[in-house]
Amino acid sequence: MSQPQTSFDQLPRYVRVRSEPDATFVEFDFAIGYPDLFVELVLPRAAFASFCEQNRVQHMDAAMAEAIDADMEKWRYGESRGQPA
């Protein structure tokens, strides 16, 4: 049996804002399907709001962002910092 395929349009989209709340431009990470595989983008505030609406994004919460950061650190350094070798 084959498993049903999820179409590209059905994949979840994730946003993680990196800029300060009052910044003129919004710096953010954008991912489709996998929150740990993202591109870094910059848009004016109004364009960012439109982008989020058109892509039906999910804003990453603190726990999701922390898990992604820990995984990236593990790949960069071979282990999470603060953990014994």
PDB file of N, CA and C in Angstrom:
ATOM      1  N   MET A   1       0.825  -1.189   0.000  1.00  0.00           N
ATOM      2  CA  MET A   1       0.000   0.000   0.000  1.00  0.00           C
ATOM      3  C   MET A   1       0.869   1.253   0.000  1.00  0.00           C
ATOM      4  N   SER A   2       0.419   2.240  -0.688  1.00  0.00           N
ATOM      5  CA  SER A   2       1.159   3.501  -0.685  1.00  0.00           C
ATOM      6  C   SER A   2       0.475   4.475   0.266  1.00  0.00           C
ATOM      7  N   GLN A   3       1.296   5.320   0.864  1.00  0.00           N
ATOM      8  CA  GLN A   3       0.762   6.312   1.792  1.00  0.00           C
ATOM      9  C   GLN A   3       0.353   7.548   1.006  1.00  0.00           C
ATOM     10  N   PRO A   4      -0.733   8.214   1.436  1.00  0.00           N
ATOM     11  CA  PRO A   4      -1.167   9.405   0.702  1.00  0.00           C
ATOM     12  C   PRO A   4      -0.100  10.500   0.783  1.00  0.00           C
ATOM     13  N   GLN A   5       0.114  11.167  -0.336  1.00  0.00           N
ATOM     14  CA  GLN A   5       1.091  12.243  -0.415  1.00  0.00           C
ATOM     15  C   GLN A   5       0.428  13.564  -0.017  1.00  0.00           C
ATOM     16  N   THR A   6       1.157  14.381   0.728  1.00  0.00           N
ATOM     17  CA  THR A   6       0.685  15.711   1.063  1.00  0.00           C
ATOM     18  C   THR A   6       1.167  16.646  -0.037  1.00  0.00           C
ATOM     19  N   SER A   7       0.240  17.413  -0.592  1.00  0.00           N
ATOM     20  CA  SER A   7       0.647  18.335  -1.650  1.00  0.00           C
ATOM     21  C   SER A   7       1.423  19.493  -1.037  1.00  0.00           C
ATOM     22  N   PHE A   8       2.208  20.139  -1.882  1.00  0.00           N
ATOM     23  CA  PHE A   8       3.028  21.256  -1.429  1.00  0.00           C
ATOM     24  C   PHE A   8       2.169  22.335  -0.775  1.00  0.00           C
ATOM     25  N   ASP A   9       1.010  22.616  -1.339  1.00  0.00           N
ATOM     26  CA  ASP A   9       0.128  23.656  -0.799  1.00  0.00           C
ATOM     27  C   ASP A   9      -0.415  23.311   0.581  1.00  0.00           C
ATOM     28  N   GLN A  10      -0.421  22.039   0.935  1.00  0.00           N
ATOM     29  CA  GLN A  10      -0.950  21.609   2.225  1.00  0.00           C
ATOM     30  C   GLN A  10       0.108  21.566   3.321  1.00  0.00           C
ATOM     31  N   LEU A  11       1.374  21.712   2.959  1.00  0.00           N
ATOM     32  CA  LEU A  11       2.432  21.673   3.970  1.00  0.00           C
ATOM     33  C   LEU A  11       2.333  22.884   4.886  1.00  0.00           C
ATOM     34  N   PRO A  12       2.574  22.695   6.185  1.00  0.00           N
ATOM     35  CA  PRO A  12       2.524  23.837   7.096  1.00  0.00           C
ATOM     36  C   PRO A  12       3.672  24.805   6.829  1.00  0.00           C
ATOM     37  N   ARG A  13       3.414  26.070   7.085  1.00  0.00           N
ATOM     38  CA  ARG A  13       4.425  27.119   6.912  1.00  0.00           C
ATOM     39  C   ARG A  13       4.673  27.766   8.260  1.00  0.00           C
ATOM     40  N   TYR A  14       5.938  27.988   8.561  1.00  0.00           N
ATOM     41  CA  TYR A  14       6.339  28.492   9.873  1.00  0.00           C
ATOM     42  C   TYR A  14       7.098  29.806   9.735  1.00  0.00           C
ATOM     43  N   VAL A  15       6.888  30.689  10.708  1.00  0.00           N
ATOM     44  CA  VAL A  15       7.597  31.961  10.770  1.00  0.00           C
ATOM     45  C   VAL A  15       8.162  32.121  12.175  1.00  0.00           C
ATOM     46  N   ARG A  16       9.405  32.592  12.219  1.00  0.00           N
ATOM     47  CA  ARG A  16      10.046  32.928  13.488  1.00  0.00           C
ATOM     48  C   ARG A  16      10.631  34.329  13.342  1.00  0.00           C
ATOM     49  N   VAL A  17      10.053  35.284  14.049  1.00  0.00           N
ATOM     50  CA  VAL A  17      10.497  36.675  13.959  1.00  0.00           C
ATOM     51  C   VAL A  17      11.774  36.841  14.766  1.00  0.00           C
ATOM     52  N   ARG A  18      12.762  37.476  14.146  1.00  0.00           N
ATOM     53  CA  ARG A  18      14.062  37.698  14.786  1.00  0.00           C
ATOM     54  C   ARG A  18      14.282  39.160  15.163  1.00  0.00           C
ATOM     55  N   SER A  19      13.545  40.081  14.571  1.00  0.00           N
ATOM     56  CA  SER A  19      13.765  41.510  14.807  1.00  0.00           C
ATOM     57  C   SER A  19      13.017  41.988  16.053  1.00  0.00           C
ATOM     58  N   GLU A  20      13.360  43.198  16.471  1.00  0.00           N
ATOM     59  CA  GLU A  20      12.700  43.820  17.619  1.00  0.00           C
ATOM     60  C   GLU A  20      11.258  44.184  17.246  1.00  0.00           C
ATOM     61  N   PRO A  21      10.339  44.199  18.211  1.00  0.00           N
ATOM     62  CA  PRO A  21       8.932  44.479  17.908  1.00  0.00           C
ATOM     63  C   PRO A  21       8.678  45.837  17.238  1.00  0.00           C
ATOM     64  N   ASP A  22       9.497  46.838  17.526  1.00  0.00           N
ATOM     65  CA  ASP A  22       9.256  48.174  16.962  1.00  0.00           C
ATOM     66  C   ASP A  22      10.133  48.468  15.739  1.00  0.00           C
ATOM     67  N   ALA A  23      10.804  47.481  15.187  1.00  0.00           N
ATOM     68  CA  ALA A  23      11.685  47.687  14.033  1.00  0.00           C
ATOM     69  C   ALA A  23      10.867  48.028  12.790  1.00  0.00           C
ATOM     70  N   THR A  24      11.447  48.847  11.918  1.00  0.00           N
ATOM     71  CA  THR A  24      10.789  49.220  10.667  1.00  0.00           C
ATOM     72  C   THR A  24      10.648  48.014   9.758  1.00  0.00           C
ATOM     73  N   PHE A  25      11.686  47.198   9.686  1.00  0.00           N
ATOM     74  CA  PHE A  25      11.674  45.987   8.871  1.00  0.00           C
ATOM     75  C   PHE A  25      11.601  44.765   9.780  1.00  0.00           C
ATOM     76  N   VAL A  26      10.872  43.758   9.339  1.00  0.00           N
ATOM     77  CA  VAL A  26      10.744  42.516  10.096  1.00  0.00           C
ATOM     78  C   VAL A  26      11.749  41.511   9.533  1.00  0.00           C
ATOM     79  N   GLU A  27      12.672  41.087  10.367  1.00  0.00           N
ATOM     80  CA  GLU A  27      13.616  40.026  10.010  1.00  0.00           C
ATOM     81  C   GLU A  27      13.027  38.726  10.547  1.00  0.00           C
ATOM     82  N   PHE A  28      12.942  37.719   9.675  1.00  0.00           N
ATOM     83  CA  PHE A  28      12.299  36.481  10.113  1.00  0.00           C
ATOM     84  C   PHE A  28      12.819  35.271   9.352  1.00  0.00           C
ATOM     85  N   ASP A  29      12.602  34.112   9.959  1.00  0.00           N
ATOM     86  CA  ASP A  29      12.894  32.832   9.329  1.00  0.00           C
ATOM     87  C   ASP A  29      11.577  32.300   8.783  1.00  0.00           C
ATOM     88  N   PHE A  30      11.622  31.724   7.595  1.00  0.00           N
ATOM     89  CA  PHE A  30      10.425  31.168   6.972  1.00  0.00           C
ATOM     90  C   PHE A  30      10.720  29.741   6.543  1.00  0.00           C
ATOM     91  N   ALA A  31       9.845  28.823   6.941  1.00  0.00           N
ATOM     92  CA  ALA A  31      10.028  27.410   6.622  1.00  0.00           C
ATOM     93  C   ALA A  31       8.734  26.820   6.070  1.00  0.00           C
ATOM     94  N   ILE A  32       8.874  25.871   5.170  1.00  0.00           N
ATOM     95  CA  ILE A  32       7.726  25.149   4.624  1.00  0.00           C
ATOM     96  C   ILE A  32       7.925  23.672   4.921  1.00  0.00           C
ATOM     97  N   GLY A  33       6.999  23.115   5.667  1.00  0.00           N
ATOM     98  CA  GLY A  33       7.031  21.677   5.949  1.00  0.00           C
ATOM     99  C   GLY A  33       7.869  21.282   7.145  1.00  0.00           C
ATOM    100  N   TYR A  34       9.082  21.775   7.201  1.00  0.00           N
ATOM    101  CA  TYR A  34      10.007  21.417   8.272  1.00  0.00           C
ATOM    102  C   TYR A  34      10.526  22.706   8.911  1.00  0.00           C
ATOM    103  N   PRO A  35      10.176  22.989  10.164  1.00  0.00           N
ATOM    104  CA  PRO A  35      10.567  24.262  10.767  1.00  0.00           C
ATOM    105  C   PRO A  35      12.071  24.448  10.930  1.00  0.00           C
ATOM    106  N   ASP A  36      12.850  23.365  10.876  1.00  0.00           N
ATOM    107  CA  ASP A  36      14.299  23.488  11.042  1.00  0.00           C
ATOM    108  C   ASP A  36      15.032  23.701   9.722  1.00  0.00           C
ATOM    109  N   LEU A  37      14.319  23.760   8.614  1.00  0.00           N
ATOM    110  CA  LEU A  37      14.902  24.033   7.298  1.00  0.00           C
ATOM    111  C   LEU A  37      14.258  25.323   6.793  1.00  0.00           C
ATOM    112  N   PHE A  38      14.956  26.436   6.976  1.00  0.00           N
ATOM    113  CA  PHE A  38      14.333  27.744   6.739  1.00  0.00           C
ATOM    114  C   PHE A  38      15.246  28.671   5.950  1.00  0.00           C
ATOM    115  N   VAL A  39      14.642  29.740   5.452  1.00  0.00           N
ATOM    116  CA  VAL A  39      15.382  30.829   4.818  1.00  0.00           C
ATOM    117  C   VAL A  39      15.176  32.070   5.672  1.00  0.00           C
ATOM    118  N   GLU A  40      16.155  32.954   5.645  1.00  0.00           N
ATOM    119  CA  GLU A  40      16.054  34.210   6.380  1.00  0.00           C
ATOM    120  C   GLU A  40      15.570  35.284   5.422  1.00  0.00           C
ATOM    121  N   LEU A  41      14.533  36.013   5.820  1.00  0.00           N
ATOM    122  CA  LEU A  41      13.938  37.041   4.975  1.00  0.00           C
ATOM    123  C   LEU A  41      13.786  38.343   5.752  1.00  0.00           C
ATOM    124  N   VAL A  42      13.648  39.439   4.999  1.00  0.00           N
ATOM    125  CA  VAL A  42      13.406  40.767   5.585  1.00  0.00           C
ATOM    126  C   VAL A  42      12.334  41.443   4.744  1.00  0.00           C
ATOM    127  N   LEU A  43      11.294  41.960   5.402  1.00  0.00           N
ATOM    128  CA  LEU A  43      10.220  42.673   4.722  1.00  0.00           C
ATOM    129  C   LEU A  43       9.788  43.880   5.545  1.00  0.00           C
ATOM    130  N   PRO A  44       9.256  44.910   4.885  1.00  0.00           N
ATOM    131  CA  PRO A  44       8.620  45.988   5.644  1.00  0.00           C
ATOM    132  C   PRO A  44       7.437  45.412   6.430  1.00  0.00           C
ATOM    133  N   ARG A  45       7.086  46.046   7.518  1.00  0.00           N
ATOM    134  CA  ARG A  45       6.061  45.527   8.429  1.00  0.00           C
ATOM    135  C   ARG A  45       4.747  45.182   7.710  1.00  0.00           C
ATOM    136  N   ALA A  46       4.242  46.070   6.860  1.00  0.00           N
ATOM    137  CA  ALA A  46       2.972  45.821   6.159  1.00  0.00           C
ATOM    138  C   ALA A  46       3.093  44.627   5.209  1.00  0.00           C
ATOM    139  N   ALA A  47       4.204  44.521   4.509  1.00  0.00           N
ATOM    140  CA  ALA A  47       4.422  43.400   3.593  1.00  0.00           C
ATOM    141  C   ALA A  47       4.523  42.084   4.366  1.00  0.00           C
ATOM    142  N   PHE A  48       5.136  42.130   5.550  1.00  0.00           N
ATOM    143  CA  PHE A  48       5.245  40.937   6.387  1.00  0.00           C
ATOM    144  C   PHE A  48       3.857  40.446   6.800  1.00  0.00           C
ATOM    145  N   ALA A  49       2.992  41.364   7.203  1.00  0.00           N
ATOM    146  CA  ALA A  49       1.630  40.988   7.603  1.00  0.00           C
ATOM    147  C   ALA A  49       0.897  40.332   6.439  1.00  0.00           C
ATOM    148  N   SER A  50       1.038  40.891   5.244  1.00  0.00           N
ATOM    149  CA  SER A  50       0.411  40.327   4.056  1.00  0.00           C
ATOM    150  C   SER A  50       0.995  38.952   3.730  1.00  0.00           C
ATOM    151  N   PHE A  51       2.314  38.830   3.825  1.00  0.00           N
ATOM    152  CA  PHE A  51       3.013  37.569   3.578  1.00  0.00           C
ATOM    153  C   PHE A  51       2.478  36.478   4.505  1.00  0.00           C
ATOM    154  N   CYS A  52       2.349  36.791   5.785  1.00  0.00           N
ATOM    155  CA  CYS A  52       1.862  35.818   6.772  1.00  0.00           C
ATOM    156  C   CYS A  52       0.430  35.392   6.463  1.00  0.00           C
ATOM    157  N   GLU A  53      -0.397  36.351   6.073  1.00  0.00           N
ATOM    158  CA  GLU A  53      -1.788  36.052   5.759  1.00  0.00           C
ATOM    159  C   GLU A  53      -1.888  35.174   4.516  1.00  0.00           C
ATOM    160  N   GLN A  54      -1.159  35.531   3.468  1.00  0.00           N
ATOM    161  CA  GLN A  54      -1.229  34.774   2.219  1.00  0.00           C
ATOM    162  C   GLN A  54      -0.689  33.354   2.374  1.00  0.00           C
ATOM    163  N   ASN A  55       0.299  33.167   3.238  1.00  0.00           N
ATOM    164  CA  ASN A  55       0.903  31.847   3.438  1.00  0.00           C
ATOM    165  C   ASN A  55       0.295  31.065   4.591  1.00  0.00           C
ATOM    166  N   ARG A  56      -0.662  31.665   5.286  1.00  0.00           N
ATOM    167  CA  ARG A  56      -1.319  31.008   6.424  1.00  0.00           C
ATOM    168  C   ARG A  56      -0.274  30.408   7.370  1.00  0.00           C
ATOM    169  N   VAL A  57       0.658  31.251   7.805  1.00  0.00           N
ATOM    170  CA  VAL A  57       1.790  30.779   8.606  1.00  0.00           C
ATOM    171  C   VAL A  57       1.395  30.467  10.037  1.00  0.00           C
ATOM    172  N   GLN A  58       2.212  29.628  10.642  1.00  0.00           N
ATOM    173  CA  GLN A  58       2.142  29.359  12.077  1.00  0.00           C
ATOM    174  C   GLN A  58       3.362  30.039  12.690  1.00  0.00           C
ATOM    175  N   HIS A  59       3.139  30.892  13.669  1.00  0.00           N
ATOM    176  CA  HIS A  59       4.270  31.527  14.338  1.00  0.00           C
ATOM    177  C   HIS A  59       4.860  30.528  15.324  1.00  0.00           C
ATOM    178  N   MET A  60       6.178  30.362  15.252  1.00  0.00           N
ATOM    179  CA  MET A  60       6.845  29.426  16.157  1.00  0.00           C
ATOM    180  C   MET A  60       6.749  29.942  17.587  1.00  0.00           C
ATOM    181  N   ASP A  61       6.446  29.043  18.505  1.00  0.00           N
ATOM    182  CA  ASP A  61       6.452  29.420  19.913  1.00  0.00           C
ATOM    183  C   ASP A  61       7.864  29.240  20.469  1.00  0.00           C
ATOM    184  N   ALA A  62       8.057  29.651  21.702  1.00  0.00           N
ATOM    185  CA  ALA A  62       9.389  29.616  22.317  1.00  0.00           C
ATOM    186  C   ALA A  62       9.941  28.191  22.395  1.00  0.00           C
ATOM    187  N   ALA A  63       9.097  27.223  22.696  1.00  0.00           N
ATOM    188  CA  ALA A  63       9.557  25.835  22.815  1.00  0.00           C
ATOM    189  C   ALA A  63      10.039  25.296  21.468  1.00  0.00           C
ATOM    190  N   MET A  64       9.314  25.591  20.398  1.00  0.00           N
ATOM    191  CA  MET A  64       9.717  25.132  19.073  1.00  0.00           C
ATOM    192  C   MET A  64      11.030  25.796  18.653  1.00  0.00           C
ATOM    193  N   ALA A  65      11.154  27.101  18.888  1.00  0.00           N
ATOM    194  CA  ALA A  65      12.379  27.825  18.533  1.00  0.00           C
ATOM    195  C   ALA A  65      13.570  27.296  19.328  1.00  0.00           C
ATOM    196  N   GLU A  66      13.366  27.004  20.598  1.00  0.00           N
ATOM    197  CA  GLU A  66      14.447  26.483  21.443  1.00  0.00           C
ATOM    198  C   GLU A  66      14.905  25.105  20.961  1.00  0.00           C
ATOM    199  N   ALA A  67      13.958  24.257  20.570  1.00  0.00           N
ATOM    200  CA  ALA A  67      14.310  22.925  20.065  1.00  0.00           C
ATOM    201  C   ALA A  67      15.107  23.028  18.769  1.00  0.00           C
ATOM    202  N   ILE A  68      14.738  23.942  17.899  1.00  0.00           N
ATOM    203  CA  ILE A  68      15.463  24.136  16.639  1.00  0.00           C
ATOM    204  C   ILE A  68      16.869  24.650  16.920  1.00  0.00           C
ATOM    205  N   ASP A  69      16.992  25.623  17.826  1.00  0.00           N
ATOM    206  CA  ASP A  69      18.311  26.159  18.182  1.00  0.00           C
ATOM    207  C   ASP A  69      19.212  25.072  18.764  1.00  0.00           C
ATOM    208  N   ALA A  70      18.661  24.229  19.623  1.00  0.00           N
ATOM    209  CA  ALA A  70      19.446  23.154  20.237  1.00  0.00           C
ATOM    210  C   ALA A  70      19.911  22.157  19.178  1.00  0.00           C
ATOM    211  N   ASP A  71      19.042  21.837  18.231  1.00  0.00           N
ATOM    212  CA  ASP A  71      19.414  20.907  17.173  1.00  0.00           C
ATOM    213  C   ASP A  71      20.489  21.511  16.271  1.00  0.00           C
ATOM    214  N   MET A  72      20.373  22.798  15.947  1.00  0.00           N
ATOM    215  CA  MET A  72      21.382  23.457  15.119  1.00  0.00           C
ATOM    216  C   MET A  72      22.730  23.484  15.836  1.00  0.00           C
ATOM    217  N   GLU A  73      22.693  23.723  17.131  1.00  0.00           N
ATOM    218  CA  GLU A  73      23.931  23.757  17.912  1.00  0.00           C
ATOM    219  C   GLU A  73      24.579  22.374  17.955  1.00  0.00           C
ATOM    220  N   LYS A  74      23.750  21.352  18.082  1.00  0.00           N
ATOM    221  CA  LYS A  74      24.263  19.981  18.102  1.00  0.00           C
ATOM    222  C   LYS A  74      24.986  19.669  16.789  1.00  0.00           C
ATOM    223  N   TRP A  75      24.416  20.058  15.666  1.00  0.00           N
ATOM    224  CA  TRP A  75      25.038  19.803  14.376  1.00  0.00           C
ATOM    225  C   TRP A  75      26.300  20.636  14.188  1.00  0.00           C
ATOM    226  N   ARG A  76      26.306  21.848  14.728  1.00  0.00           N
ATOM    227  CA  ARG A  76      27.473  22.729  14.559  1.00  0.00           C
ATOM    228  C   ARG A  76      28.636  22.274  15.445  1.00  0.00           C
ATOM    229  N   TYR A  77      28.352  21.912  16.686  1.00  0.00           N
ATOM    230  CA  TYR A  77      29.420  21.618  17.647  1.00  0.00           C
ATOM    231  C   TYR A  77      29.539  20.141  18.005  1.00  0.00           C
ATOM    232  N   GLY A  78      28.636  19.310  17.534  1.00  0.00           N
ATOM    233  CA  GLY A  78      28.714  17.891  17.811  1.00  0.00           C
ATOM    234  C   GLY A  78      27.982  17.479  19.072  1.00  0.00           C
ATOM    235  N   GLU A  79      27.539  18.420  19.863  1.00  0.00           N
ATOM    236  CA  GLU A  79      26.766  18.145  21.072  1.00  0.00           C
ATOM    237  C   GLU A  79      26.179  19.453  21.548  1.00  0.00           C
ATOM    238  N   SER A  80      25.164  19.362  22.366  1.00  0.00           N
ATOM    239  CA  SER A  80      24.584  20.575  22.938  1.00  0.00           C
ATOM    240  C   SER A  80      25.510  21.115  23.997  1.00  0.00           C
ATOM    241  N   ARG A  81      25.688  22.416  24.024  1.00  0.00           N
ATOM    242  CA  ARG A  81      26.515  23.030  25.054  1.00  0.00           C
ATOM    243  C   ARG A  81      25.870  22.847  26.410  1.00  0.00           C
ATOM    244  N   GLY A  82      26.654  22.725  27.403  1.00  0.00           N
ATOM    245  CA  GLY A  82      26.141  22.573  28.754  1.00  0.00           C
ATOM    246  C   GLY A  82      25.895  21.118  29.127  1.00  0.00           C
ATOM    247  N   GLN A  83      25.993  20.210  28.147  1.00  0.00           N
ATOM    248  CA  GLN A  83      25.827  18.801  28.444  1.00  0.00           C
ATOM    249  C   GLN A  83      27.196  18.144  28.481  1.00  0.00           C
ATOM    250  N   PRO A  84      27.396  17.187  29.388  1.00  0.00           N
ATOM    251  CA  PRO A  84      28.691  16.503  29.458  1.00  0.00           C
ATOM    252  C   PRO A  84      28.977  15.721  28.181  1.00  0.00           C
ATOM    253  N   ALA A  85      30.239  15.629  27.863  1.00  0.00           N
ATOM    254  CA  ALA A  85      30.646  14.908  26.642  1.00  0.00           C
ATOM    255  C   ALA A  85      30.578  13.424  26.816  1.00  0.00           C
TER     256      ALA A  85
END
